[in-house]
Amino acid sequence: MARTNLRYGPNKGHPTTAIPKTSRPSQRKGIQSTKNKFVRSVVREVAGFSPYERRVMELLRNSKARKLTKKRLGTLLRSKRKLEELGAVIQESRRAH
């Protein structure tokens, strides 16, 4: 609220200019930068997929893929993200051929 020179009421106090708050590193955490995204794509291109990821890509046709990824990654949310990522990779490869 903007303060006025009044003594009483909701806007009481000396008028000042509000200083905009800077974002803390903890609030920026997890946001992927373009450089980071590029580096990860290069590493993925060079290193390829891990053995369990290759197995999951084969199992994606069946229903056992989610169970395997959940066991490997620990949580269902991580499992869903990984399955989505690998599914996108499979679709890209289909488009390329």
PDB file of N, CA and C in Angstrom:
ATOM      1  N   MET A   1       0.833  -1.192   0.000  1.00  0.00           N
ATOM      2  CA  MET A   1       0.000   0.000   0.000  1.00  0.00           C
ATOM      3  C   MET A   1       0.870   1.245   0.000  1.00  0.00           C
ATOM      4  N   ALA A   2       0.415   2.260  -0.690  1.00  0.00           N
ATOM      5  CA  ALA A   2       1.146   3.517  -0.729  1.00  0.00           C
ATOM      6  C   ALA A   2       0.873   4.294   0.550  1.00  0.00           C
ATOM      7  N   ARG A   3       1.938   4.723   1.186  1.00  0.00           N
ATOM      8  CA  ARG A   3       1.779   5.487   2.429  1.00  0.00           C
ATOM      9  C   ARG A   3       1.564   6.958   2.119  1.00  0.00           C
ATOM     10  N   THR A   4       0.818   7.600   2.985  1.00  0.00           N
ATOM     11  CA  THR A   4       0.594   9.042   2.888  1.00  0.00           C
ATOM     12  C   THR A   4       1.127   9.677   4.156  1.00  0.00           C
ATOM     13  N   ASN A   5       1.029  10.964   4.268  1.00  0.00           N
ATOM     14  CA  ASN A   5       1.564  11.665   5.443  1.00  0.00           C
ATOM     15  C   ASN A   5       0.579  11.677   6.609  1.00  0.00           C
ATOM     16  N   LEU A   6      -0.432  10.855   6.592  1.00  0.00           N
ATOM     17  CA  LEU A   6      -1.430  10.826   7.651  1.00  0.00           C
ATOM     18  C   LEU A   6      -0.890  10.125   8.891  1.00  0.00           C
ATOM     19  N   ARG A   7      -1.425  10.510  10.040  1.00  0.00           N
ATOM     20  CA  ARG A   7      -0.994   9.860  11.282  1.00  0.00           C
ATOM     21  C   ARG A   7      -1.756   8.568  11.542  1.00  0.00           C
ATOM     22  N   TYR A   8      -2.998   8.528  11.121  1.00  0.00           N
ATOM     23  CA  TYR A   8      -3.845   7.381  11.423  1.00  0.00           C
ATOM     24  C   TYR A   8      -4.380   6.778  10.132  1.00  0.00           C
ATOM     25  N   GLY A   9      -4.904   5.574  10.235  1.00  0.00           N
ATOM     26  CA  GLY A   9      -5.552   4.944   9.097  1.00  0.00           C
ATOM     27  C   GLY A   9      -4.665   3.903   8.433  1.00  0.00           C
ATOM     28  N   PRO A  10      -5.202   3.224   7.428  1.00  0.00           N
ATOM     29  CA  PRO A  10      -4.452   2.129   6.784  1.00  0.00           C
ATOM     30  C   PRO A  10      -3.219   2.601   6.017  1.00  0.00           C
ATOM     31  N   ASN A  11      -3.207   3.865   5.533  1.00  0.00           N
ATOM     32  CA  ASN A  11      -2.075   4.377   4.762  1.00  0.00           C
ATOM     33  C   ASN A  11      -1.198   5.318   5.579  1.00  0.00           C
ATOM     34  N   LYS A  12      -1.144   5.126   6.884  1.00  0.00           N
ATOM     35  CA  LYS A  12      -0.388   6.051   7.739  1.00  0.00           C
ATOM     36  C   LYS A  12       1.113   5.892   7.516  1.00  0.00           C
ATOM     37  N   GLY A  13       1.850   6.920   7.825  1.00  0.00           N
ATOM     38  CA  GLY A  13       3.305   6.855   7.763  1.00  0.00           C
ATOM     39  C   GLY A  13       3.905   7.759   6.704  1.00  0.00           C
ATOM     40  N   HIS A  14       5.229   7.887   6.766  1.00  0.00           N
ATOM     41  CA  HIS A  14       5.970   8.730   5.826  1.00  0.00           C
ATOM     42  C   HIS A  14       5.993   8.072   4.448  1.00  0.00           C
ATOM     43  N   PRO A  15       5.694   8.833   3.383  1.00  0.00           N
ATOM     44  CA  PRO A  15       5.697   8.228   2.047  1.00  0.00           C
ATOM     45  C   PRO A  15       7.120   7.864   1.611  1.00  0.00           C
ATOM     46  N   THR A  16       7.296   6.650   1.139  1.00  0.00           N
ATOM     47  CA  THR A  16       8.601   6.177   0.673  1.00  0.00           C
ATOM     48  C   THR A  16       8.432   5.510  -0.682  1.00  0.00           C
ATOM     49  N   THR A  17       9.552   5.322  -1.373  1.00  0.00           N
ATOM     50  CA  THR A  17       9.499   4.602  -2.642  1.00  0.00           C
ATOM     51  C   THR A  17       9.796   3.134  -2.375  1.00  0.00           C
ATOM     52  N   ALA A  18       9.030   2.258  -2.954  1.00  0.00           N
ATOM     53  CA  ALA A  18       9.199   0.825  -2.744  1.00  0.00           C
ATOM     54  C   ALA A  18      10.386   0.324  -3.550  1.00  0.00           C
ATOM     55  N   ILE A  19      11.259  -0.459  -2.927  1.00  0.00           N
ATOM     56  CA  ILE A  19      12.409  -1.043  -3.609  1.00  0.00           C
ATOM     57  C   ILE A  19      11.982  -2.408  -4.139  1.00  0.00           C
ATOM     58  N   PRO A  20      12.133  -2.629  -5.447  1.00  0.00           N
ATOM     59  CA  PRO A  20      11.739  -3.949  -5.981  1.00  0.00           C
ATOM     60  C   PRO A  20      12.631  -5.045  -5.429  1.00  0.00           C
ATOM     61  N   LYS A  21      12.023  -6.158  -5.058  1.00  0.00           N
ATOM     62  CA  LYS A  21      12.773  -7.259  -4.458  1.00  0.00           C
ATOM     63  C   LYS A  21      13.441  -8.095  -5.546  1.00  0.00           C
ATOM     64  N   THR A  22      14.697  -8.459  -5.296  1.00  0.00           N
ATOM     65  CA  THR A  22      15.411  -9.323  -6.233  1.00  0.00           C
ATOM     66  C   THR A  22      15.096 -10.774  -5.909  1.00  0.00           C
ATOM     67  N   SER A  23      15.129 -11.617  -6.927  1.00  0.00           N
ATOM     68  CA  SER A  23      14.811 -13.024  -6.696  1.00  0.00           C
ATOM     69  C   SER A  23      16.010 -13.726  -6.078  1.00  0.00           C
ATOM     70  N   ARG A  24      15.743 -14.580  -5.127  1.00  0.00           N
ATOM     71  CA  ARG A  24      16.789 -15.346  -4.454  1.00  0.00           C
ATOM     72  C   ARG A  24      17.212 -16.512  -5.333  1.00  0.00           C
ATOM     73  N   PRO A  25      18.427 -17.018  -5.110  1.00  0.00           N
ATOM     74  CA  PRO A  25      18.847 -18.200  -5.876  1.00  0.00           C
ATOM     75  C   PRO A  25      17.921 -19.394  -5.661  1.00  0.00           C
ATOM     76  N   SER A  26      17.344 -19.516  -4.467  1.00  0.00           N
ATOM     77  CA  SER A  26      16.444 -20.641  -4.192  1.00  0.00           C
ATOM     78  C   SER A  26      15.174 -20.550  -5.021  1.00  0.00           C
ATOM     79  N   GLN A  27      14.790 -19.331  -5.409  1.00  0.00           N
ATOM     80  CA  GLN A  27      13.595 -19.169  -6.241  1.00  0.00           C
ATOM     81  C   GLN A  27      13.902 -19.432  -7.713  1.00  0.00           C
ATOM     82  N   ARG A  28      15.170 -19.286  -8.094  1.00  0.00           N
ATOM     83  CA  ARG A  28      15.573 -19.536  -9.474  1.00  0.00           C
ATOM     84  C   ARG A  28      15.970 -20.991  -9.695  1.00  0.00           C
ATOM     85  N   LYS A  29      16.101 -21.752  -8.620  1.00  0.00           N
ATOM     86  CA  LYS A  29      16.595 -23.122  -8.706  1.00  0.00           C
ATOM     87  C   LYS A  29      15.662 -23.990  -9.548  1.00  0.00           C
ATOM     88  N   GLY A  30      16.246 -24.787 -10.416  1.00  0.00           N
ATOM     89  CA  GLY A  30      15.457 -25.709 -11.217  1.00  0.00           C
ATOM     90  C   GLY A  30      15.089 -25.177 -12.582  1.00  0.00           C
ATOM     91  N   ILE A  31      15.277 -23.875 -12.822  1.00  0.00           N
ATOM     92  CA  ILE A  31      14.974 -23.311 -14.134  1.00  0.00           C
ATOM     93  C   ILE A  31      16.143 -23.623 -15.050  1.00  0.00           C
ATOM     94  N   GLN A  32      15.842 -24.249 -16.176  1.00  0.00           N
ATOM     95  CA  GLN A  32      16.895 -24.699 -17.073  1.00  0.00           C
ATOM     96  C   GLN A  32      17.317 -23.570 -18.008  1.00  0.00           C
ATOM     97  N   SER A  33      18.612 -23.258 -17.998  1.00  0.00           N
ATOM     98  CA  SER A  33      19.132 -22.223 -18.884  1.00  0.00           C
ATOM     99  C   SER A  33      19.367 -22.805 -20.275  1.00  0.00           C
ATOM    100  N   THR A  34      19.541 -21.936 -21.254  1.00  0.00           N
ATOM    101  CA  THR A  34      19.755 -22.407 -22.623  1.00  0.00           C
ATOM    102  C   THR A  34      21.098 -23.116 -22.742  1.00  0.00           C
ATOM    103  N   LYS A  35      22.100 -22.606 -22.019  1.00  0.00           N
ATOM    104  CA  LYS A  35      23.422 -23.241 -22.051  1.00  0.00           C
ATOM    105  C   LYS A  35      23.354 -24.649 -21.469  1.00  0.00           C
ATOM    106  N   ASN A  36      22.681 -24.779 -20.337  1.00  0.00           N
ATOM    107  CA  ASN A  36      22.537 -26.069 -19.671  1.00  0.00           C
ATOM    108  C   ASN A  36      21.789 -27.054 -20.574  1.00  0.00           C
ATOM    109  N   LYS A  37      20.753 -26.570 -21.225  1.00  0.00           N
ATOM    110  CA  LYS A  37      19.965 -27.416 -22.124  1.00  0.00           C
ATOM    111  C   LYS A  37      20.827 -27.916 -23.285  1.00  0.00           C
ATOM    112  N   PHE A  38      21.639 -27.005 -23.845  1.00  0.00           N
ATOM    113  CA  PHE A  38      22.515 -27.354 -24.956  1.00  0.00           C
ATOM    114  C   PHE A  38      23.545 -28.403 -24.537  1.00  0.00           C
ATOM    115  N   VAL A  39      24.160 -28.205 -23.364  1.00  0.00           N
ATOM    116  CA  VAL A  39      25.178 -29.139 -22.865  1.00  0.00           C
ATOM    117  C   VAL A  39      24.576 -30.521 -22.662  1.00  0.00           C
ATOM    118  N   ARG A  40      23.381 -30.579 -22.085  1.00  0.00           N
ATOM    119  CA  ARG A  40      22.732 -31.871 -21.860  1.00  0.00           C
ATOM    120  C   ARG A  40      22.407 -32.573 -23.170  1.00  0.00           C
ATOM    121  N   SER A  41      22.001 -31.801 -24.182  1.00  0.00           N
ATOM    122  CA  SER A  41      21.695 -32.417 -25.476  1.00  0.00           C
ATOM    123  C   SER A  41      22.954 -32.975 -26.128  1.00  0.00           C
ATOM    124  N   VAL A  42      24.087 -32.267 -25.975  1.00  0.00           N
ATOM    125  CA  VAL A  42      25.350 -32.754 -26.538  1.00  0.00           C
ATOM    126  C   VAL A  42      25.790 -34.020 -25.828  1.00  0.00           C
ATOM    127  N   VAL A  43      25.679 -34.034 -24.509  1.00  0.00           N
ATOM    128  CA  VAL A  43      26.057 -35.220 -23.735  1.00  0.00           C
ATOM    129  C   VAL A  43      25.182 -36.403 -24.113  1.00  0.00           C
ATOM    130  N   ARG A  44      23.892 -36.163 -24.291  1.00  0.00           N
ATOM    131  CA  ARG A  44      22.965 -37.236 -24.690  1.00  0.00           C
ATOM    132  C   ARG A  44      23.341 -37.787 -26.060  1.00  0.00           C
ATOM    133  N   GLU A  45      23.727 -36.876 -26.968  1.00  0.00           N
ATOM    134  CA  GLU A  45      24.101 -37.276 -28.320  1.00  0.00           C
ATOM    135  C   GLU A  45      25.377 -38.116 -28.320  1.00  0.00           C
ATOM    136  N   VAL A  46      26.348 -37.720 -27.491  1.00  0.00           N
ATOM    137  CA  VAL A  46      27.639 -38.411 -27.465  1.00  0.00           C
ATOM    138  C   VAL A  46      27.542 -39.722 -26.691  1.00  0.00           C
ATOM    139  N   ALA A  47      26.938 -39.671 -25.501  1.00  0.00           N
ATOM    140  CA  ALA A  47      26.923 -40.834 -24.616  1.00  0.00           C
ATOM    141  C   ALA A  47      25.816 -41.827 -24.953  1.00  0.00           C
ATOM    142  N   GLY A  48      24.735 -41.347 -25.531  1.00  0.00           N
ATOM    143  CA  GLY A  48      23.621 -42.238 -25.856  1.00  0.00           C
ATOM    144  C   GLY A  48      22.779 -42.542 -24.633  1.00  0.00           C
ATOM    145  N   PHE A  49      22.062 -43.648 -24.694  1.00  0.00           N
ATOM    146  CA  PHE A  49      21.158 -44.030 -23.612  1.00  0.00           C
ATOM    147  C   PHE A  49      21.797 -45.097 -22.744  1.00  0.00           C
ATOM    148  N   SER A  50      21.420 -45.092 -21.473  1.00  0.00           N
ATOM    149  CA  SER A  50      21.915 -46.123 -20.561  1.00  0.00           C
ATOM    150  C   SER A  50      21.180 -47.431 -20.859  1.00  0.00           C
ATOM    151  N   PRO A  51      21.740 -48.557 -20.398  1.00  0.00           N
ATOM    152  CA  PRO A  51      21.089 -49.840 -20.702  1.00  0.00           C
ATOM    153  C   PRO A  51      19.638 -49.934 -20.236  1.00  0.00           C
ATOM    154  N   TYR A  52      19.342 -49.405 -19.050  1.00  0.00           N
ATOM    155  CA  TYR A  52      17.961 -49.505 -18.573  1.00  0.00           C
ATOM    156  C   TYR A  52      17.033 -48.639 -19.432  1.00  0.00           C
ATOM    157  N   GLU A  53      17.547 -47.506 -19.947  1.00  0.00           N
ATOM    158  CA  GLU A  53      16.715 -46.659 -20.804  1.00  0.00           C
ATOM    159  C   GLU A  53      16.408 -47.361 -22.119  1.00  0.00           C
ATOM    160  N   ARG A  54      17.384 -48.072 -22.663  1.00  0.00           N
ATOM    161  CA  ARG A  54      17.146 -48.826 -23.895  1.00  0.00           C
ATOM    162  C   ARG A  54      16.107 -49.919 -23.662  1.00  0.00           C
ATOM    163  N   ARG A  55      16.206 -50.569 -22.507  1.00  0.00           N
ATOM    164  CA  ARG A  55      15.240 -51.621 -22.163  1.00  0.00           C
ATOM    165  C   ARG A  55      13.838 -51.032 -22.007  1.00  0.00           C
ATOM    166  N   VAL A  56      13.755 -49.859 -21.382  1.00  0.00           N
ATOM    167  CA  VAL A  56      12.456 -49.201 -21.185  1.00  0.00           C
ATOM    168  C   VAL A  56      11.839 -48.823 -22.530  1.00  0.00           C
ATOM    169  N   MET A  57      12.675 -48.376 -23.469  1.00  0.00           N
ATOM    170  CA  MET A  57      12.145 -48.018 -24.785  1.00  0.00           C
ATOM    171  C   MET A  57      11.533 -49.230 -25.488  1.00  0.00           C
ATOM    172  N   GLU A  58      12.114 -50.402 -25.250  1.00  0.00           N
ATOM    173  CA  GLU A  58      11.522 -51.623 -25.816  1.00  0.00           C
ATOM    174  C   GLU A  58      10.241 -51.995 -25.077  1.00  0.00           C
ATOM    175  N   LEU A  59      10.227 -51.772 -23.761  1.00  0.00           N
ATOM    176  CA  LEU A  59       9.057 -52.134 -22.955  1.00  0.00           C
ATOM    177  C   LEU A  59       7.912 -51.125 -23.062  1.00  0.00           C
ATOM    178  N   LEU A  60       8.152 -49.970 -23.679  1.00  0.00           N
ATOM    179  CA  LEU A  60       7.107 -48.949 -23.768  1.00  0.00           C
ATOM    180  C   LEU A  60       5.869 -49.456 -24.504  1.00  0.00           C
ATOM    181  N   ARG A  61       6.040 -50.445 -25.339  1.00  0.00           N
ATOM    182  CA  ARG A  61       4.885 -51.017 -26.035  1.00  0.00           C
ATOM    183  C   ARG A  61       3.992 -51.776 -25.042  1.00  0.00           C
ATOM    184  N   ASN A  62       4.600 -52.327 -23.983  1.00  0.00           N
ATOM    185  CA  ASN A  62       3.855 -53.070 -22.961  1.00  0.00           C
ATOM    186  C   ASN A  62       3.563 -52.163 -21.771  1.00  0.00           C
ATOM    187  N   SER A  63       2.985 -52.740 -20.742  1.00  0.00           N
ATOM    188  CA  SER A  63       2.631 -51.948 -19.565  1.00  0.00           C
ATOM    189  C   SER A  63       3.699 -52.016 -18.475  1.00  0.00           C
ATOM    190  N   LYS A  64       4.759 -52.792 -18.677  1.00  0.00           N
ATOM    191  CA  LYS A  64       5.759 -52.998 -17.630  1.00  0.00           C
ATOM    192  C   LYS A  64       6.795 -51.867 -17.555  1.00  0.00           C
ATOM    193  N   ALA A  65       6.774 -50.951 -18.507  1.00  0.00           N
ATOM    194  CA  ALA A  65       7.789 -49.893 -18.554  1.00  0.00           C
ATOM    195  C   ALA A  65       7.705 -48.993 -17.324  1.00  0.00           C
ATOM    196  N   ARG A  66       6.493 -48.643 -16.908  1.00  0.00           N
ATOM    197  CA  ARG A  66       6.325 -47.744 -15.758  1.00  0.00           C
ATOM    198  C   ARG A  66       6.853 -48.387 -14.477  1.00  0.00           C
ATOM    199  N   LYS A  67       6.603 -49.666 -14.337  1.00  0.00           N
ATOM    200  CA  LYS A  67       7.054 -50.381 -13.141  1.00  0.00           C
ATOM    201  C   LYS A  67       8.581 -50.396 -13.068  1.00  0.00           C
ATOM    202  N   LEU A  68       9.214 -50.655 -14.197  1.00  0.00           N
ATOM    203  CA  LEU A  68      10.673 -50.707 -14.234  1.00  0.00           C
ATOM    204  C   LEU A  68      11.287 -49.340 -13.939  1.00  0.00           C
ATOM    205  N   THR A  69      10.751 -48.287 -14.568  1.00  0.00           N
ATOM    206  CA  THR A  69      11.310 -46.952 -14.339  1.00  0.00           C
ATOM    207  C   THR A  69      11.072 -46.491 -12.907  1.00  0.00           C
ATOM    208  N   LYS A  70       9.948 -46.853 -12.336  1.00  0.00           N
ATOM    209  CA  LYS A  70       9.682 -46.474 -10.948  1.00  0.00           C
ATOM    210  C   LYS A  70      10.674 -47.152 -10.018  1.00  0.00           C
ATOM    211  N   LYS A  71      10.991 -48.406 -10.302  1.00  0.00           N
ATOM    212  CA  LYS A  71      11.953 -49.132  -9.481  1.00  0.00           C
ATOM    213  C   LYS A  71      13.348 -48.511  -9.595  1.00  0.00           C
ATOM    214  N   ARG A  72      13.721 -48.104 -10.808  1.00  0.00           N
ATOM    215  CA  ARG A  72      15.055 -47.540 -11.035  1.00  0.00           C
ATOM    216  C   ARG A  72      15.185 -46.116 -10.509  1.00  0.00           C
ATOM    217  N   LEU A  73      14.135 -45.303 -10.687  1.00  0.00           N
ATOM    218  CA  LEU A  73      14.239 -43.877 -10.373  1.00  0.00           C
ATOM    219  C   LEU A  73      13.694 -43.498  -8.998  1.00  0.00           C
ATOM    220  N   GLY A  74      12.911 -44.358  -8.387  1.00  0.00           N
ATOM    221  CA  GLY A  74      12.498 -44.103  -7.009  1.00  0.00           C
ATOM    222  C   GLY A  74      11.087 -43.592  -6.826  1.00  0.00           C
ATOM    223  N   THR A  75      10.639 -42.634  -7.632  1.00  0.00           N
ATOM    224  CA  THR A  75       9.303 -42.087  -7.445  1.00  0.00           C
ATOM    225  C   THR A  75       8.499 -42.180  -8.742  1.00  0.00           C
ATOM    226  N   LEU A  76       7.184 -42.132  -8.594  1.00  0.00           N
ATOM    227  CA  LEU A  76       6.301 -42.248  -9.751  1.00  0.00           C
ATOM    228  C   LEU A  76       6.394 -41.011 -10.647  1.00  0.00           C
ATOM    229  N   LEU A  77       6.590 -39.833 -10.039  1.00  0.00           N
ATOM    230  CA  LEU A  77       6.688 -38.607 -10.826  1.00  0.00           C
ATOM    231  C   LEU A  77       7.925 -38.632 -11.715  1.00  0.00           C
ATOM    232  N   ARG A  78       9.058 -39.047 -11.173  1.00  0.00           N
ATOM    233  CA  ARG A  78      10.283 -39.162 -11.974  1.00  0.00           C
ATOM    234  C   ARG A  78      10.094 -40.194 -13.080  1.00  0.00           C
ATOM    235  N   SER A  79       9.393 -41.279 -12.735  1.00  0.00           N
ATOM    236  CA  SER A  79       9.124 -42.337 -13.703  1.00  0.00           C
ATOM    237  C   SER A  79       8.298 -41.806 -14.873  1.00  0.00           C
ATOM    238  N   LYS A  80       7.259 -41.033 -14.559  1.00  0.00           N
ATOM    239  CA  LYS A  80       6.391 -40.485 -15.606  1.00  0.00           C
ATOM    240  C   LYS A  80       7.164 -39.538 -16.512  1.00  0.00           C
ATOM    241  N   ARG A  81       8.020 -38.709 -15.908  1.00  0.00           N
ATOM    242  CA  ARG A  81       8.824 -37.772 -16.704  1.00  0.00           C
ATOM    243  C   ARG A  81       9.765 -38.515 -17.643  1.00  0.00           C
ATOM    244  N   LYS A  82      10.402 -39.550 -17.119  1.00  0.00           N
ATOM    245  CA  LYS A  82      11.348 -40.328 -17.927  1.00  0.00           C
ATOM    246  C   LYS A  82      10.620 -41.020 -19.077  1.00  0.00           C
ATOM    247  N   LEU A  83       9.441 -41.595 -18.794  1.00  0.00           N
ATOM    248  CA  LEU A  83       8.671 -42.266 -19.836  1.00  0.00           C
ATOM    249  C   LEU A  83       8.232 -41.280 -20.917  1.00  0.00           C
ATOM    250  N   GLU A  84       7.865 -40.082 -20.496  1.00  0.00           N
ATOM    251  CA  GLU A  84       7.467 -39.053 -21.446  1.00  0.00           C
ATOM    252  C   GLU A  84       8.651 -38.665 -22.341  1.00  0.00           C
ATOM    253  N   GLU A  85       9.824 -38.518 -21.715  1.00  0.00           N
ATOM    254  CA  GLU A  85      11.039 -38.163 -22.449  1.00  0.00           C
ATOM    255  C   GLU A  85      11.409 -39.249 -23.461  1.00  0.00           C
ATOM    256  N   LEU A  86      11.389 -40.509 -23.018  1.00  0.00           N
ATOM    257  CA  LEU A  86      11.758 -41.611 -23.902  1.00  0.00           C
ATOM    258  C   LEU A  86      10.720 -41.818 -24.999  1.00  0.00           C
ATOM    259  N   GLY A  87       9.451 -41.588 -24.664  1.00  0.00           N
ATOM    260  CA  GLY A  87       8.397 -41.680 -25.676  1.00  0.00           C
ATOM    261  C   GLY A  87       8.588 -40.635 -26.765  1.00  0.00           C
ATOM    262  N   ALA A  88       9.009 -39.435 -26.365  1.00  0.00           N
ATOM    263  CA  ALA A  88       9.273 -38.367 -27.337  1.00  0.00           C
ATOM    264  C   ALA A  88      10.451 -38.729 -28.230  1.00  0.00           C
ATOM    265  N   VAL A  89      11.463 -39.380 -27.648  1.00  0.00           N
ATOM    266  CA  VAL A  89      12.626 -39.797 -28.430  1.00  0.00           C
ATOM    267  C   VAL A  89      12.216 -40.828 -29.481  1.00  0.00           C
ATOM    268  N   ILE A  90      11.373 -41.763 -29.090  1.00  0.00           N
ATOM    269  CA  ILE A  90      10.891 -42.800 -30.017  1.00  0.00           C
ATOM    270  C   ILE A  90      10.094 -42.155 -31.162  1.00  0.00           C
ATOM    271  N   GLN A  91       9.228 -41.201 -30.823  1.00  0.00           N
ATOM    272  CA  GLN A  91       8.440 -40.521 -31.856  1.00  0.00           C
ATOM    273  C   GLN A  91       9.339 -39.754 -32.821  1.00  0.00           C
ATOM    274  N   GLU A  92      10.385 -39.104 -32.291  1.00  0.00           N
ATOM    275  CA  GLU A  92      11.322 -38.374 -33.142  1.00  0.00           C
ATOM    276  C   GLU A  92      12.021 -39.317 -34.110  1.00  0.00           C
ATOM    277  N   SER A  93      12.436 -40.479 -33.583  1.00  0.00           N
ATOM    278  CA  SER A  93      13.137 -41.434 -34.446  1.00  0.00           C
ATOM    279  C   SER A  93      12.216 -41.986 -35.533  1.00  0.00           C
ATOM    280  N   ARG A  94      10.924 -42.137 -35.205  1.00  0.00           N
ATOM    281  CA  ARG A  94       9.960 -42.600 -36.209  1.00  0.00           C
ATOM    282  C   ARG A  94       9.774 -41.566 -37.318  1.00  0.00           C
ATOM    283  N   ARG A  95       9.766 -40.276 -36.910  1.00  0.00           N
ATOM    284  CA  ARG A  95       9.613 -39.209 -37.901  1.00  0.00           C
ATOM    285  C   ARG A  95      10.826 -39.128 -38.811  1.00  0.00           C
ATOM    286  N   ALA A  96      12.009 -39.404 -38.227  1.00  0.00           N
ATOM    287  CA  ALA A  96      13.251 -39.305 -38.995  1.00  0.00           C
ATOM    288  C   ALA A  96      13.332 -40.392 -40.076  1.00  0.00           C
ATOM    289  N   HIS A  97      12.786 -41.568 -39.783  1.00  0.00           N
ATOM    290  CA  HIS A  97      12.873 -42.671 -40.756  1.00  0.00           C
ATOM    291  C   HIS A  97      11.767 -42.655 -41.751  1.00  0.00           C
TER     292      HIS A  97
END
